[in-house]
Amino acid sequence: MKNDYLESAKKQFAYYKSLGEKTFEQLTDEQLCWQYNSESNSVAIIVNHLAGNMLSRWTDIFTSDGEKPNRNRETEFANITPTRQTILDTWHKGWQCLFNTLNSLTTDDLEKIIYIRNQGHTVMEAINRQLAHYPYHVGQIVFLGKMMCNENWSSLSIPRGKSESYNADKFVLEKRKAHFTDAK
């Protein structure tokens, strides 16, 4: 059961990572850095924050606190205008750190205590914490993408008016175990 949990968590993280990447593909370089107002975040800022969090939380989880002393969370939210390549490199670096750690875990590790801001969590609790946090921010990225692309947006889930045909296609198939790409 615990082994299934790790595989399920990895699939969920991979699904949300793919939603972010499918959004990036639809945006121009300028849109990646666009902010609605000074209090809102651009896609680039959200990516910067997610990567900062991932690198802090998932580096050396058993030997150091998940809030690393070298992390400067405040600068993650600074108004930045990096290149598309820098944004993508930052994105991939954060996710790679997460997946490297998840891939190194065993089922026995799930009950071990790790610390985030000096608060103890089991590894499973820490994973669950980030399964709530990362999709929250990916949802922001997708929402920004939909706003900016407007009628040019290509849906990442079941497009409006297509639920009936989507379900009809699914119900003619034989029952099977879900894959993360089925999570629409």
C-alpha atoms as a PDB file:
ATOM      1  CA  MET A   1       0.000   0.000   0.000  1.00  0.00           C
ATOM      2  CA  LYS A   2       2.744   2.485   0.927  1.00  0.00           C
ATOM      3  CA  ASN A   3       4.577   1.719  -2.314  1.00  0.00           C
ATOM      4  CA  ASP A   4       1.355   2.524  -4.190  1.00  0.00           C
ATOM      5  CA  TYR A   5       1.260   5.830  -2.324  1.00  0.00           C
ATOM      6  CA  LEU A   6       4.692   6.880  -3.603  1.00  0.00           C
ATOM      7  CA  GLU A   7       3.794   5.945  -7.173  1.00  0.00           C
ATOM      8  CA  SER A   8       0.494   7.798  -6.893  1.00  0.00           C
ATOM      9  CA  ALA A   9       2.177  10.913  -5.496  1.00  0.00           C
ATOM     10  CA  LYS A  10       4.752  10.885  -8.310  1.00  0.00           C
ATOM     11  CA  LYS A  11       1.974  10.581 -10.902  1.00  0.00           C
ATOM     12  CA  GLN A  12       0.072  13.506  -9.366  1.00  0.00           C
ATOM     13  CA  PHE A  13       3.159  15.709  -9.286  1.00  0.00           C
ATOM     14  CA  ALA A  14       3.962  14.759 -12.904  1.00  0.00           C
ATOM     15  CA  TYR A  15       0.408  15.627 -13.957  1.00  0.00           C
ATOM     16  CA  TYR A  16       0.582  19.117 -12.451  1.00  0.00           C
ATOM     17  CA  LYS A  17       4.056  19.656 -13.873  1.00  0.00           C
ATOM     18  CA  SER A  18       2.653  18.830 -17.314  1.00  0.00           C
ATOM     19  CA  LEU A  19      -0.198  21.340 -16.876  1.00  0.00           C
ATOM     20  CA  GLY A  20       2.325  24.084 -16.199  1.00  0.00           C
ATOM     21  CA  GLU A  21       4.387  23.110 -19.220  1.00  0.00           C
ATOM     22  CA  LYS A  22       1.350  22.973 -21.504  1.00  0.00           C
ATOM     23  CA  THR A  23       0.529  26.475 -20.330  1.00  0.00           C
ATOM     24  CA  PHE A  24       4.052  27.769 -20.989  1.00  0.00           C
ATOM     25  CA  GLU A  25       3.784  26.469 -24.571  1.00  0.00           C
ATOM     26  CA  GLN A  26       0.754  28.690 -25.179  1.00  0.00           C
ATOM     27  CA  LEU A  27       2.322  31.889 -23.825  1.00  0.00           C
ATOM     28  CA  THR A  28       4.640  34.377 -25.457  1.00  0.00           C
ATOM     29  CA  ASP A  29       7.873  35.385 -23.772  1.00  0.00           C
ATOM     30  CA  GLU A  30       6.275  38.671 -22.719  1.00  0.00           C
ATOM     31  CA  GLN A  31       3.228  36.916 -21.253  1.00  0.00           C
ATOM     32  CA  LEU A  32       5.437  34.774 -19.016  1.00  0.00           C
ATOM     33  CA  CYS A  33       6.465  37.972 -17.209  1.00  0.00           C
ATOM     34  CA  TRP A  34       3.099  39.801 -17.316  1.00  0.00           C
ATOM     35  CA  GLN A  35       1.533  40.897 -14.020  1.00  0.00           C
ATOM     36  CA  TYR A  36      -2.077  42.007 -13.609  1.00  0.00           C
ATOM     37  CA  ASN A  37      -0.956  44.562 -11.034  1.00  0.00           C
ATOM     38  CA  SER A  38       1.912  45.150  -8.612  1.00  0.00           C
ATOM     39  CA  GLU A  39       0.341  42.876  -5.982  1.00  0.00           C
ATOM     40  CA  SER A  40      -0.088  39.930  -8.313  1.00  0.00           C
ATOM     41  CA  ASN A  41       2.477  37.431  -9.531  1.00  0.00           C
ATOM     42  CA  SER A  42       3.568  36.713 -13.072  1.00  0.00           C
ATOM     43  CA  VAL A  43       4.082  33.171 -14.302  1.00  0.00           C
ATOM     44  CA  ALA A  44       7.838  33.788 -13.980  1.00  0.00           C
ATOM     45  CA  ILE A  45       7.470  34.806 -10.323  1.00  0.00           C
ATOM     46  CA  ILE A  46       5.312  31.771  -9.537  1.00  0.00           C
ATOM     47  CA  VAL A  47       7.883  29.506 -11.213  1.00  0.00           C
ATOM     48  CA  ASN A  48      10.648  31.163  -9.202  1.00  0.00           C
ATOM     49  CA  HIS A  49       8.731  30.571  -5.971  1.00  0.00           C
ATOM     50  CA  LEU A  50       7.860  26.958  -6.789  1.00  0.00           C
ATOM     51  CA  ALA A  51      11.466  26.128  -7.642  1.00  0.00           C
ATOM     52  CA  GLY A  52      12.740  27.863  -4.519  1.00  0.00           C
ATOM     53  CA  ASN A  53      10.312  25.879  -2.411  1.00  0.00           C
ATOM     54  CA  MET A  54      11.132  22.574  -4.114  1.00  0.00           C
ATOM     55  CA  LEU A  55      14.877  23.048  -3.775  1.00  0.00           C
ATOM     56  CA  SER A  56      14.522  23.988  -0.127  1.00  0.00           C
ATOM     57  CA  ARG A  57      12.043  21.268   0.819  1.00  0.00           C
ATOM     58  CA  TRP A  58      13.505  18.333  -1.095  1.00  0.00           C
ATOM     59  CA  THR A  59      17.277  18.795  -0.759  1.00  0.00           C
ATOM     60  CA  ASP A  60      18.817  16.639   1.994  1.00  0.00           C
ATOM     61  CA  ILE A  61      15.430  16.023   3.609  1.00  0.00           C
ATOM     62  CA  PHE A  62      16.766  13.659   6.276  1.00  0.00           C
ATOM     63  CA  THR A  63      19.711  15.803   7.357  1.00  0.00           C
ATOM     64  CA  SER A  64      18.473  19.408   7.199  1.00  0.00           C
ATOM     65  CA  ASP A  65      15.328  21.430   7.752  1.00  0.00           C
ATOM     66  CA  GLY A  66      13.098  21.914   4.707  1.00  0.00           C
ATOM     67  CA  GLU A  67      13.452  25.676   5.077  1.00  0.00           C
ATOM     68  CA  LYS A  68      17.109  26.005   4.145  1.00  0.00           C
ATOM     69  CA  PRO A  69      19.132  28.906   5.596  1.00  0.00           C
ATOM     70  CA  ASN A  70      20.263  29.904   2.105  1.00  0.00           C
ATOM     71  CA  ARG A  71      16.700  30.218   0.804  1.00  0.00           C
ATOM     72  CA  ASN A  72      15.505  33.798   0.493  1.00  0.00           C
ATOM     73  CA  ARG A  73      11.770  33.357   0.002  1.00  0.00           C
ATOM     74  CA  GLU A  74      11.150  37.099  -0.293  1.00  0.00           C
ATOM     75  CA  THR A  75      13.334  37.376  -3.404  1.00  0.00           C
ATOM     76  CA  GLU A  76      11.294  34.608  -5.046  1.00  0.00           C
ATOM     77  CA  PHE A  77       8.460  37.154  -5.310  1.00  0.00           C
ATOM     78  CA  ALA A  78      10.540  40.032  -6.660  1.00  0.00           C
ATOM     79  CA  ASN A  79       9.404  41.499  -9.951  1.00  0.00           C
ATOM     80  CA  ILE A  80      11.610  39.721 -12.490  1.00  0.00           C
ATOM     81  CA  THR A  81      11.783  39.515 -16.264  1.00  0.00           C
ATOM     82  CA  PRO A  82      13.937  36.489 -17.052  1.00  0.00           C
ATOM     83  CA  THR A  83      14.171  34.893 -20.466  1.00  0.00           C
ATOM     84  CA  ARG A  84      11.909  31.988 -21.392  1.00  0.00           C
ATOM     85  CA  GLN A  85      14.916  29.669 -21.164  1.00  0.00           C
ATOM     86  CA  THR A  86      15.756  30.884 -17.658  1.00  0.00           C
ATOM     87  CA  ILE A  87      12.148  30.327 -16.580  1.00  0.00           C
ATOM     88  CA  LEU A  88      12.151  26.808 -18.028  1.00  0.00           C
ATOM     89  CA  ASP A  89      15.553  25.997 -16.510  1.00  0.00           C
ATOM     90  CA  THR A  90      14.335  27.188 -13.101  1.00  0.00           C
ATOM     91  CA  TRP A  91      11.129  25.156 -13.468  1.00  0.00           C
ATOM     92  CA  HIS A  92      12.988  21.977 -14.436  1.00  0.00           C
ATOM     93  CA  LYS A  93      15.603  22.381 -11.693  1.00  0.00           C
ATOM     94  CA  GLY A  94      12.917  22.518  -8.998  1.00  0.00           C
ATOM     95  CA  TRP A  95      10.938  19.576 -10.335  1.00  0.00           C
ATOM     96  CA  GLN A  96      14.105  17.516 -10.862  1.00  0.00           C
ATOM     97  CA  CYS A  97      15.023  18.014  -7.209  1.00  0.00           C
ATOM     98  CA  LEU A  98      11.553  16.866  -6.133  1.00  0.00           C
ATOM     99  CA  PHE A  99      11.558  13.795  -8.384  1.00  0.00           C
ATOM    100  CA  ASN A 100      15.137  12.841  -7.475  1.00  0.00           C
ATOM    101  CA  THR A 101      14.123  12.767  -3.821  1.00  0.00           C
ATOM    102  CA  LEU A 102      10.824  10.954  -4.415  1.00  0.00           C
ATOM    103  CA  ASN A 103      12.601   8.357  -6.550  1.00  0.00           C
ATOM    104  CA  SER A 104      15.138   7.751  -3.788  1.00  0.00           C
ATOM    105  CA  LEU A 105      12.510   7.098  -1.107  1.00  0.00           C
ATOM    106  CA  THR A 106      11.521   3.675   0.124  1.00  0.00           C
ATOM    107  CA  THR A 107       8.247   2.729   1.753  1.00  0.00           C
ATOM    108  CA  ASP A 108      10.067   2.656   5.105  1.00  0.00           C
ATOM    109  CA  ASP A 109      11.013   6.314   4.632  1.00  0.00           C
ATOM    110  CA  LEU A 110       7.377   7.437   4.599  1.00  0.00           C
ATOM    111  CA  GLU A 111       7.051   7.225   8.386  1.00  0.00           C
ATOM    112  CA  LYS A 112      10.358   8.959   9.134  1.00  0.00           C
ATOM    113  CA  ILE A 113      10.192  12.423  10.640  1.00  0.00           C
ATOM    114  CA  ILE A 114      11.597  15.364   8.725  1.00  0.00           C
ATOM    115  CA  TYR A 115      11.397  19.045   9.599  1.00  0.00           C
ATOM    116  CA  ILE A 116       9.986  22.067   7.814  1.00  0.00           C
ATOM    117  CA  ARG A 117      10.518  25.315   9.708  1.00  0.00           C
ATOM    118  CA  ASN A 118      11.378  23.241  12.769  1.00  0.00           C
ATOM    119  CA  GLN A 119       8.024  21.406  12.713  1.00  0.00           C
ATOM    120  CA  GLY A 120       8.150  17.634  12.456  1.00  0.00           C
ATOM    121  CA  HIS A 121       6.288  15.896   9.641  1.00  0.00           C
ATOM    122  CA  THR A 122       6.375  12.332   8.465  1.00  0.00           C
ATOM    123  CA  VAL A 123       7.721  12.146   4.936  1.00  0.00           C
ATOM    124  CA  MET A 124       4.198  11.199   3.842  1.00  0.00           C
ATOM    125  CA  GLU A 125       2.796  14.326   5.502  1.00  0.00           C
ATOM    126  CA  ALA A 126       5.469  16.451   3.824  1.00  0.00           C
ATOM    127  CA  ILE A 127       4.573  14.963   0.445  1.00  0.00           C
ATOM    128  CA  ASN A 128       0.873  15.639   1.094  1.00  0.00           C
ATOM    129  CA  ARG A 129       1.686  19.205   2.115  1.00  0.00           C
ATOM    130  CA  GLN A 130       3.381  19.809  -1.222  1.00  0.00           C
ATOM    131  CA  LEU A 131       0.645  17.960  -3.152  1.00  0.00           C
ATOM    132  CA  ALA A 132      -1.620  20.769  -1.930  1.00  0.00           C
ATOM    133  CA  HIS A 133       0.895  23.597  -2.391  1.00  0.00           C
ATOM    134  CA  TYR A 134       2.257  22.915  -5.878  1.00  0.00           C
ATOM    135  CA  PRO A 135      -1.115  22.350  -7.625  1.00  0.00           C
ATOM    136  CA  TYR A 136      -2.367  25.568  -6.003  1.00  0.00           C
ATOM    137  CA  HIS A 137       0.373  27.517  -7.771  1.00  0.00           C
ATOM    138  CA  VAL A 138       0.124  25.533 -11.014  1.00  0.00           C
ATOM    139  CA  GLY A 139      -3.575  26.438 -11.002  1.00  0.00           C
ATOM    140  CA  GLN A 140      -2.553  30.090 -10.801  1.00  0.00           C
ATOM    141  CA  ILE A 141      -0.248  29.603 -13.787  1.00  0.00           C
ATOM    142  CA  VAL A 142      -3.039  27.962 -15.792  1.00  0.00           C
ATOM    143  CA  PHE A 143      -5.517  30.692 -14.837  1.00  0.00           C
ATOM    144  CA  LEU A 144      -3.090  33.401 -15.911  1.00  0.00           C
ATOM    145  CA  GLY A 145      -2.544  31.545 -19.173  1.00  0.00           C
ATOM    146  CA  LYS A 146      -6.278  31.323 -19.832  1.00  0.00           C
ATOM    147  CA  MET A 147      -6.724  35.026 -19.132  1.00  0.00           C
ATOM    148  CA  MET A 148      -3.870  36.092 -21.383  1.00  0.00           C
ATOM    149  CA  CYS A 149      -4.671  33.729 -24.262  1.00  0.00           C
ATOM    150  CA  ASN A 150      -8.411  34.388 -24.052  1.00  0.00           C
ATOM    151  CA  GLU A 151     -10.134  32.832 -27.116  1.00  0.00           C
ATOM    152  CA  ASN A 152      -6.780  31.419 -28.303  1.00  0.00           C
ATOM    153  CA  TRP A 153      -6.484  29.209 -25.209  1.00  0.00           C
ATOM    154  CA  SER A 154      -6.283  25.474 -25.877  1.00  0.00           C
ATOM    155  CA  SER A 155      -8.012  23.687 -23.023  1.00  0.00           C
ATOM    156  CA  LEU A 156      -5.876  21.461 -20.803  1.00  0.00           C
ATOM    157  CA  SER A 157      -8.902  19.488 -19.662  1.00  0.00           C
ATOM    158  CA  ILE A 158     -12.309  18.737 -21.159  1.00  0.00           C
ATOM    159  CA  PRO A 159     -13.243  21.791 -23.259  1.00  0.00           C
ATOM    160  CA  ARG A 160     -16.577  23.476 -22.656  1.00  0.00           C
ATOM    161  CA  GLY A 161     -19.379  21.735 -24.467  1.00  0.00           C
ATOM    162  CA  LYS A 162     -17.359  18.532 -24.882  1.00  0.00           C
ATOM    163  CA  SER A 163     -18.188  16.669 -21.631  1.00  0.00           C
ATOM    164  CA  GLU A 164     -20.776  14.402 -23.213  1.00  0.00           C
ATOM    165  CA  SER A 165     -18.544  13.261 -26.078  1.00  0.00           C
ATOM    166  CA  TYR A 166     -15.548  12.908 -23.733  1.00  0.00           C
ATOM    167  CA  ASN A 167     -17.532  10.662 -21.379  1.00  0.00           C
ATOM    168  CA  ALA A 168     -18.945   8.667 -24.295  1.00  0.00           C
ATOM    169  CA  ASP A 169     -15.396   7.966 -25.492  1.00  0.00           C
ATOM    170  CA  LYS A 170     -14.342   6.854 -22.004  1.00  0.00           C
ATOM    171  CA  PHE A 171     -17.312   4.579 -21.330  1.00  0.00           C
ATOM    172  CA  VAL A 172     -16.804   2.497 -24.471  1.00  0.00           C
ATOM    173  CA  LEU A 173     -13.377   1.491 -23.151  1.00  0.00           C
ATOM    174  CA  GLU A 174     -12.711  -1.463 -20.911  1.00  0.00           C
ATOM    175  CA  LYS A 175     -12.258  -0.586 -17.219  1.00  0.00           C
ATOM    176  CA  ARG A 176      -8.614  -0.032 -16.305  1.00  0.00           C
ATOM    177  CA  LYS A 177      -6.398   1.615 -13.735  1.00  0.00           C
ATOM    178  CA  ALA A 178      -6.195   5.379 -14.207  1.00  0.00           C
ATOM    179  CA  HIS A 179      -3.060   7.082 -15.471  1.00  0.00           C
ATOM    180  CA  PHE A 180      -2.187  10.657 -14.483  1.00  0.00           C
ATOM    181  CA  THR A 181      -3.110  11.915 -17.967  1.00  0.00           C
ATOM    182  CA  ASP A 182      -6.672  10.695 -17.335  1.00  0.00           C
ATOM    183  CA  ALA A 183      -7.159  13.130 -14.462  1.00  0.00           C
ATOM    184  CA  LYS A 184      -9.255  15.618 -16.438  1.00  0.00           C
END
